[in-house]
Every structure is written in C-alpha cells, then in structure tokens.
C-alpha cells in the first residue's frame, strides 16, 4: 500500500505540472489538491482500516507536496519525497501503539461480502495507470535525451590549430630548413540527430494496453502490438538508414516503455498476491 500511494503521489505531481498554465489555474489546483489530500485520512482509515499515524502522515506530506508545486524552485519538489519516506519510517515504528485506534472488524466483514476485493491491488492499479500516463513519458524522454547527446558528441570534432613542422626539406635540388604548416584534412560534418514524433500520445495508450492484456494473460496480442508498432514505424526508420539514429531511438524508447509497463504488471500482481 505504501508503494502504491508513493507511486500515485509522484504521478499526480507530474500530471499537475503538465496542466500548470496560469496563476489562477495554479491557485485552483493547489486548493483542490489540499482539500483532496486532507480528506485522505478519512478514506485511508474508513476504507483501508489504516492507523491514524499513517493516515495523518500522508495528509501532512501531501499538503507539503501541493505547496511545493506552487514554488518556482524545482528542487523543493524533492523535500516532500524525503518527508514522505521519513513519515513511513516513523509510522512503521509507531503502528503497534496506534493499531488499537482502528477497528478493522467491519472492514473484514465488508470484504467477506465482496464489497472490497483486494483494495491494495486496486490502489496499485490506479497508481500504475496514472504513472504510465505521463511520468513514464518523462522517464523515456530523459533517456532519449541522454542518448541524443551521446550521439551528437560522437560527431563533434575539436578545432585544433594546424601544427607547424620544422625540418630539412629539398627545395629546387638543395637542402634547406623551412617551417611548413601541415594542414589536416577537413573534419567531417557533425551527424544530425533526428527525432521521432508521436510518442506523447501513443506511449501511454500502448503501455495501458500492455498492462491490461498482460493481466488477462493475452501475451500473443501483446506481441502483435509490438510487431505492429515496428511495422508502422518502418518507413520512417528506413528513410533514416544512412544515419541510423531513428532506429536506435525507436529501440531504446520502445524497450524502455515496454519495460515500464512490465514493471507495472509486476507491481499489480505483487500487490494482489500479498493482499491475498
């Protein structure tokens, strides 16, 4: 449950930064976030029978996270993460003393009637879906940016002054000493690294489909989706065969995106298994 809520917090923060447009939108978003996060303790205690210490810890850290989003200083976003981890550690030590404040008997009875089925798996599924929507795009984009920088650095050639060589040379049949400028060959033009478009919308849909199909065991359809993506991108990759950067970009981005979807499947299955 802690991992699911932490993943959901990161996903919501990234989605909030995506729609961060004007000052008025910022104020409204902060207000909605604070109201929603303050209401988390009631949800956590009533639905999941979570101890008061853990629920209040989530509320406090969530409010700090929302306030940090209002700041223009990006590193402040790291502060709520550290506080969240500290709250988890402190709560794990305090849970035994606060466990008596929550009576999960009626929740257990409700689960027996089928009203709640594996709430931890449900929260994890929501968190994975939110993370794969935009946060996964940021991870893939950052990785591709590093790959493009490495690709571009390979094409750069340092400008060096032509060396001056002094030595005996034969000029008009006579030996003489002369200073000769050795002109190196022209450096090769830097390779132009092209980019592929369309991943902002295709990526989330693809990852959601892989997670849904993976949970239902439709491995063959997942393989068909992967093959279809390669077929659709083949003309664009084939047109860039002289450089090859698009093929590498396609492979890196696709493999990383599929790996994130696979990790999402593993998290959901793990949450359902441990909840059972």
Protein backbone atom coordinates (compact mmCIF):
# COMPACT_ATOMS: atom_id res chain seq x y z
CA UNK A 1 0.00 0.00 0.00
CA UNK A 2 2.81 2.41 0.81
CA UNK A 3 4.49 1.80 -2.55
CA UNK A 4 1.17 2.31 -4.36
CA UNK A 5 0.45 5.62 -2.63
CA UNK A 6 4.01 6.83 -3.19
CA UNK A 7 3.77 5.97 -6.90
CA UNK A 8 0.38 7.66 -7.09
CA UNK A 9 1.77 10.79 -5.42
CA UNK A 10 4.59 11.03 -7.98
CA UNK A 11 2.16 10.52 -10.85
CA UNK A 12 -0.25 13.18 -9.59
CA UNK A 13 2.61 15.65 -9.13
CA UNK A 14 3.78 15.10 -12.72
CA UNK A 15 0.24 15.43 -14.07
CA UNK A 16 -0.19 18.64 -12.06
CA UNK A 17 2.96 20.08 -13.62
CA UNK A 18 1.59 19.12 -17.05
CA UNK A 19 -1.50 21.30 -16.66
CA UNK A 20 0.31 24.10 -14.82
CA UNK A 21 -0.70 27.03 -17.04
CA UNK A 22 -1.65 30.29 -15.33
CA UNK A 23 -1.54 31.75 -11.85
CA UNK A 24 -5.30 31.33 -11.49
CA UNK A 25 -5.08 27.68 -12.53
CA UNK A 26 -2.25 27.24 -10.05
CA UNK A 27 -4.29 28.62 -7.15
CA UNK A 28 -7.33 26.50 -8.02
CA UNK A 29 -5.19 23.37 -8.42
CA UNK A 30 -3.47 23.94 -5.07
CA UNK A 31 -6.81 24.42 -3.33
CA UNK A 32 -8.28 21.27 -4.85
CA UNK A 33 -5.13 19.31 -4.03
CA UNK A 34 -5.09 20.45 -0.40
CA UNK A 35 -8.78 19.66 0.10
CA UNK A 36 -8.39 16.25 -1.54
CA UNK A 37 -5.24 15.38 0.37
CA UNK A 38 -6.65 16.50 3.71
CA UNK A 39 -9.55 14.13 3.05
CA UNK A 40 -7.14 11.22 2.57
CA UNK A 41 -7.06 10.31 6.30
CA UNK A 42 -10.80 9.64 6.33
CA UNK A 43 -10.52 7.46 3.23
CA UNK A 44 -7.46 5.60 4.48
CA UNK A 45 -8.94 4.94 7.90
CA UNK A 46 -12.51 4.17 6.82
CA UNK A 47 -11.82 2.09 3.72
CA UNK A 48 -8.45 0.51 4.41
CA UNK A 49 -8.51 0.48 8.24
CA UNK A 50 -5.17 2.24 8.24
CA UNK A 51 -3.82 3.52 11.58
CA UNK A 52 -4.23 7.20 12.37
CA UNK A 53 -0.50 7.86 12.39
CA UNK A 54 -0.02 6.67 8.81
CA UNK A 55 -3.13 8.44 7.53
CA UNK A 56 -2.24 11.78 9.11
CA UNK A 57 1.32 11.39 7.84
CA UNK A 58 0.03 11.07 4.28
CA UNK A 59 -2.15 14.15 4.72
CA UNK A 60 0.67 16.33 6.05
CA UNK A 61 3.14 15.23 3.41
CA UNK A 62 0.52 15.64 0.69
CA UNK A 63 -0.18 19.23 1.70
CA UNK A 64 3.54 19.98 1.68
CA UNK A 65 3.79 18.43 -1.77
CA UNK A 66 0.96 20.62 -3.09
CA UNK A 67 2.58 23.73 -1.63
CA UNK A 68 5.92 22.76 -3.15
CA UNK A 69 4.29 22.58 -6.57
CA UNK A 70 3.41 26.26 -6.24
CA UNK A 71 7.06 27.19 -5.92
CA UNK A 72 9.13 28.09 -8.95
CA UNK A 73 12.17 26.44 -7.36
CA UNK A 74 12.04 22.90 -8.76
CA UNK A 75 14.39 21.27 -6.21
CA UNK A 76 11.82 21.91 -3.49
CA UNK A 77 9.81 19.08 -5.01
CA UNK A 78 12.35 16.71 -3.51
CA UNK A 79 11.56 17.87 0.03
CA UNK A 80 8.10 16.22 0.22
CA UNK A 81 9.58 12.95 -1.04
CA UNK A 82 12.09 12.92 1.80
CA UNK A 83 9.39 13.81 4.30
CA UNK A 84 7.20 11.05 2.90
CA UNK A 85 9.92 8.45 3.39
CA UNK A 86 10.64 9.77 6.89
CA UNK A 87 6.94 9.58 7.73
CA UNK A 88 6.81 5.98 6.53
CA UNK A 89 9.78 5.03 8.67
CA UNK A 90 8.39 6.77 11.75
CA UNK A 91 4.95 5.27 11.20
CA UNK A 92 6.31 1.75 10.93
CA UNK A 93 7.78 2.23 14.39
CA UNK A 94 4.57 3.74 15.81
CA UNK A 95 1.99 1.47 14.15
CA UNK A 96 1.83 -1.09 17.02
CA UNK A 97 0.90 1.60 19.53
CA UNK A 98 -1.73 3.17 17.28
CA UNK A 99 -3.17 -0.06 15.88
CA UNK A 100 -5.85 -0.17 18.57
CA UNK A 101 -7.34 3.12 17.29
CA UNK A 102 -8.54 1.43 14.10
CA UNK A 103 -11.05 -1.38 14.31
CA UNK A 104 -10.91 -3.33 11.04
CA UNK A 105 -13.61 -5.84 12.00
CA UNK A 106 -16.35 -4.21 9.93
CA UNK A 107 -13.96 -3.80 7.01
CA UNK A 108 -13.12 -7.50 7.14
CA UNK A 109 -16.83 -8.34 7.13
CA UNK A 110 -17.38 -5.99 4.18
CA UNK A 111 -14.58 -7.67 2.28
CA UNK A 112 -16.11 -11.07 3.00
CA UNK A 113 -19.31 -9.90 1.33
CA UNK A 114 -17.36 -8.93 -1.78
CA UNK A 115 -17.74 -5.16 -1.45
CA UNK A 116 -13.97 -4.64 -1.41
CA UNK A 117 -11.73 -7.05 -3.29
CA UNK A 118 -8.01 -6.62 -2.69
CA UNK A 119 -8.01 -2.83 -2.04
CA UNK A 120 -4.21 -2.76 -2.15
CA UNK A 121 -4.25 -4.20 -5.67
CA UNK A 122 -6.92 -1.69 -6.71
CA UNK A 123 -4.90 1.27 -5.42
CA UNK A 124 -1.78 -0.13 -7.07
CA UNK A 125 -3.63 -0.47 -10.39
CA UNK A 126 -4.75 3.17 -10.21
CA UNK A 127 -1.23 4.28 -9.28
CA UNK A 128 0.36 2.30 -12.12
CA UNK A 129 -2.16 3.68 -14.62
CA UNK A 130 -1.50 7.25 -13.51
CA UNK A 131 2.27 6.77 -13.57
CA UNK A 132 2.25 5.25 -17.06
CA UNK A 133 0.20 8.19 -18.35
CA UNK A 134 2.78 10.97 -18.05
CA UNK A 135 5.57 10.11 -15.61
CA UNK A 136 6.66 7.23 -17.84
CA UNK A 137 6.82 9.66 -20.76
CA UNK A 138 9.21 11.81 -18.74
CA UNK A 139 11.43 8.81 -17.99
CA UNK A 140 11.55 7.77 -21.65
CA UNK A 141 12.13 11.35 -22.80
CA UNK A 142 15.01 11.85 -20.38
CA UNK A 143 16.64 8.61 -21.51
CA UNK A 144 16.31 9.56 -25.19
CA UNK A 145 17.77 13.00 -24.45
CA UNK A 146 20.85 11.38 -22.94
CA UNK A 147 21.11 9.07 -25.96
CA UNK A 148 20.87 12.01 -28.38
CA UNK A 149 23.57 13.91 -26.53
CA UNK A 150 25.88 10.93 -26.72
CA UNK A 151 25.07 10.54 -30.42
CA UNK A 152 25.75 14.21 -31.11
CA UNK A 153 29.02 14.22 -29.16
CA UNK A 154 30.36 11.45 -31.39
CA UNK A 155 30.06 13.73 -34.42
CA UNK A 156 31.87 16.72 -32.93
CA UNK A 157 35.49 17.35 -33.84
CA UNK A 158 37.63 19.67 -31.78
CA UNK A 159 39.12 22.61 -33.67
CA UNK A 160 42.90 22.34 -33.49
CA UNK A 161 45.39 24.77 -34.96
CA UNK A 162 47.44 23.20 -37.77
CA UNK A 163 50.79 22.09 -36.36
CA UNK A 164 54.00 23.73 -37.51
CA UNK A 165 56.78 21.34 -38.51
CA UNK A 166 60.40 22.47 -38.92
CA UNK A 167 62.86 20.25 -40.69
CA UNK A 168 65.13 19.73 -43.67
CA UNK A 169 63.31 19.88 -46.99
CA UNK A 170 64.55 19.58 -50.58
CA UNK A 171 63.78 22.82 -52.40
CA UNK A 172 64.94 23.19 -56.04
CA UNK A 173 67.52 20.42 -55.59
CA UNK A 174 69.02 21.93 -52.42
CA UNK A 175 68.63 21.07 -48.77
CA UNK A 176 67.11 23.85 -46.69
CA UNK A 177 65.35 24.36 -43.39
CA UNK A 178 61.83 25.62 -43.64
CA UNK A 179 58.76 25.99 -41.49
CA UNK A 180 55.92 24.09 -43.06
CA UNK A 181 52.29 24.25 -41.97
CA UNK A 182 50.77 20.80 -42.07
CA UNK A 183 47.11 21.28 -42.92
CA UNK A 184 44.95 18.43 -41.61
CA UNK A 185 42.06 17.14 -43.67
CA UNK A 186 38.69 18.80 -43.36
CA UNK A 187 36.78 17.50 -40.35
CA UNK A 188 33.67 15.50 -41.05
CA UNK A 189 30.39 17.30 -40.66
CA UNK A 190 28.63 16.52 -37.39
CA UNK A 191 25.90 13.95 -37.64
CA UNK A 192 22.44 15.38 -37.47
CA UNK A 193 20.39 13.50 -34.89
CA UNK A 194 16.76 13.42 -35.94
CA UNK A 195 13.87 12.80 -33.62
CA UNK A 196 10.73 10.73 -33.89
CA UNK A 197 7.34 12.19 -33.08
CA UNK A 198 4.08 10.83 -31.78
CA UNK A 199 5.21 9.11 -28.60
CA UNK A 200 3.42 11.51 -26.26
CA UNK A 201 0.01 10.01 -27.03
CA UNK A 202 0.91 6.60 -28.44
CA UNK A 203 3.15 5.74 -25.48
CA UNK A 204 0.51 5.88 -22.71
CA UNK A 205 -2.07 4.04 -24.81
CA UNK A 206 0.48 1.37 -25.64
CA UNK A 207 1.56 0.92 -22.01
CA UNK A 208 -2.03 0.78 -20.77
CA UNK A 209 -2.88 -1.84 -23.39
CA UNK A 210 0.16 -3.94 -22.45
CA UNK A 211 -0.74 -3.82 -18.75
CA UNK A 212 -4.38 -4.72 -19.38
CA UNK A 213 -3.50 -7.53 -21.76
CA UNK A 214 -0.72 -8.78 -19.50
CA UNK A 215 -3.08 -9.03 -16.53
CA UNK A 216 -5.50 -11.08 -18.64
CA UNK A 217 -2.76 -13.34 -19.98
CA UNK A 218 -3.08 -12.25 -23.63
CA UNK A 219 0.64 -12.49 -24.37
CA UNK A 220 0.07 -13.13 -28.08
CA UNK A 221 -1.82 -9.86 -28.52
CA UNK A 222 1.00 -8.00 -26.75
CA UNK A 223 3.49 -9.49 -29.23
CA UNK A 224 1.21 -8.40 -32.09
CA UNK A 225 1.11 -4.84 -30.74
CA UNK A 226 4.90 -4.73 -30.51
CA UNK A 227 5.26 -6.07 -34.04
CA UNK A 228 2.63 -3.66 -35.35
CA UNK A 229 4.47 -0.71 -33.85
CA UNK A 230 7.61 -1.74 -35.72
CA UNK A 231 5.68 -2.08 -38.99
CA UNK A 232 4.10 1.37 -38.61
CA UNK A 233 7.46 2.97 -37.85
CA UNK A 234 9.37 1.08 -40.56
CA UNK A 235 9.02 3.71 -43.37
CA UNK A 236 10.33 6.44 -41.05
CA UNK A 237 13.21 4.24 -39.89
CA UNK A 238 14.02 3.11 -43.43
CA UNK A 239 14.25 6.72 -44.66
CA UNK A 240 16.89 7.35 -41.99
CA UNK A 241 19.04 4.29 -42.72
CA UNK A 242 22.01 6.45 -43.73
CA UNK A 243 22.39 7.72 -40.16
CA UNK A 244 20.56 5.08 -38.15
CA UNK A 245 19.64 7.37 -35.25
CA UNK A 246 15.91 6.81 -35.62
CA UNK A 247 16.29 3.05 -35.46
CA UNK A 248 18.30 3.35 -32.26
CA UNK A 249 15.84 5.87 -30.84
CA UNK A 250 12.92 3.59 -31.67
CA UNK A 251 14.54 0.60 -30.00
CA UNK A 252 15.61 2.49 -26.86
CA UNK A 253 12.27 4.22 -26.41
CA UNK A 254 10.17 1.15 -27.13
CA UNK A 255 12.16 -1.21 -24.92
CA UNK A 256 12.13 1.25 -22.02
CA UNK A 257 8.40 1.91 -22.42
CA UNK A 258 7.61 -1.80 -22.55
CA UNK A 259 9.83 -2.40 -19.52
CA UNK A 260 7.91 0.21 -17.52
CA UNK A 261 4.65 -1.47 -18.50
CA UNK A 262 6.07 -4.83 -17.43
CA UNK A 263 7.09 -3.37 -14.07
CA UNK A 264 3.54 -2.07 -13.68
CA UNK A 265 2.15 -5.57 -14.26
CA UNK A 266 4.57 -6.97 -11.69
CA UNK A 267 3.54 -4.35 -9.10
CA UNK A 268 -0.18 -5.03 -9.56
CA UNK A 269 0.25 -8.80 -9.43
CA UNK A 270 2.52 -8.48 -6.40
CA UNK A 271 0.02 -6.25 -4.58
CA UNK A 272 -2.81 -8.70 -5.30
CA UNK A 273 -0.70 -11.65 -4.19
CA UNK A 274 0.39 -10.11 -0.90
CA UNK A 275 -3.13 -8.84 -0.22
CA UNK A 276 -4.47 -12.34 -0.64
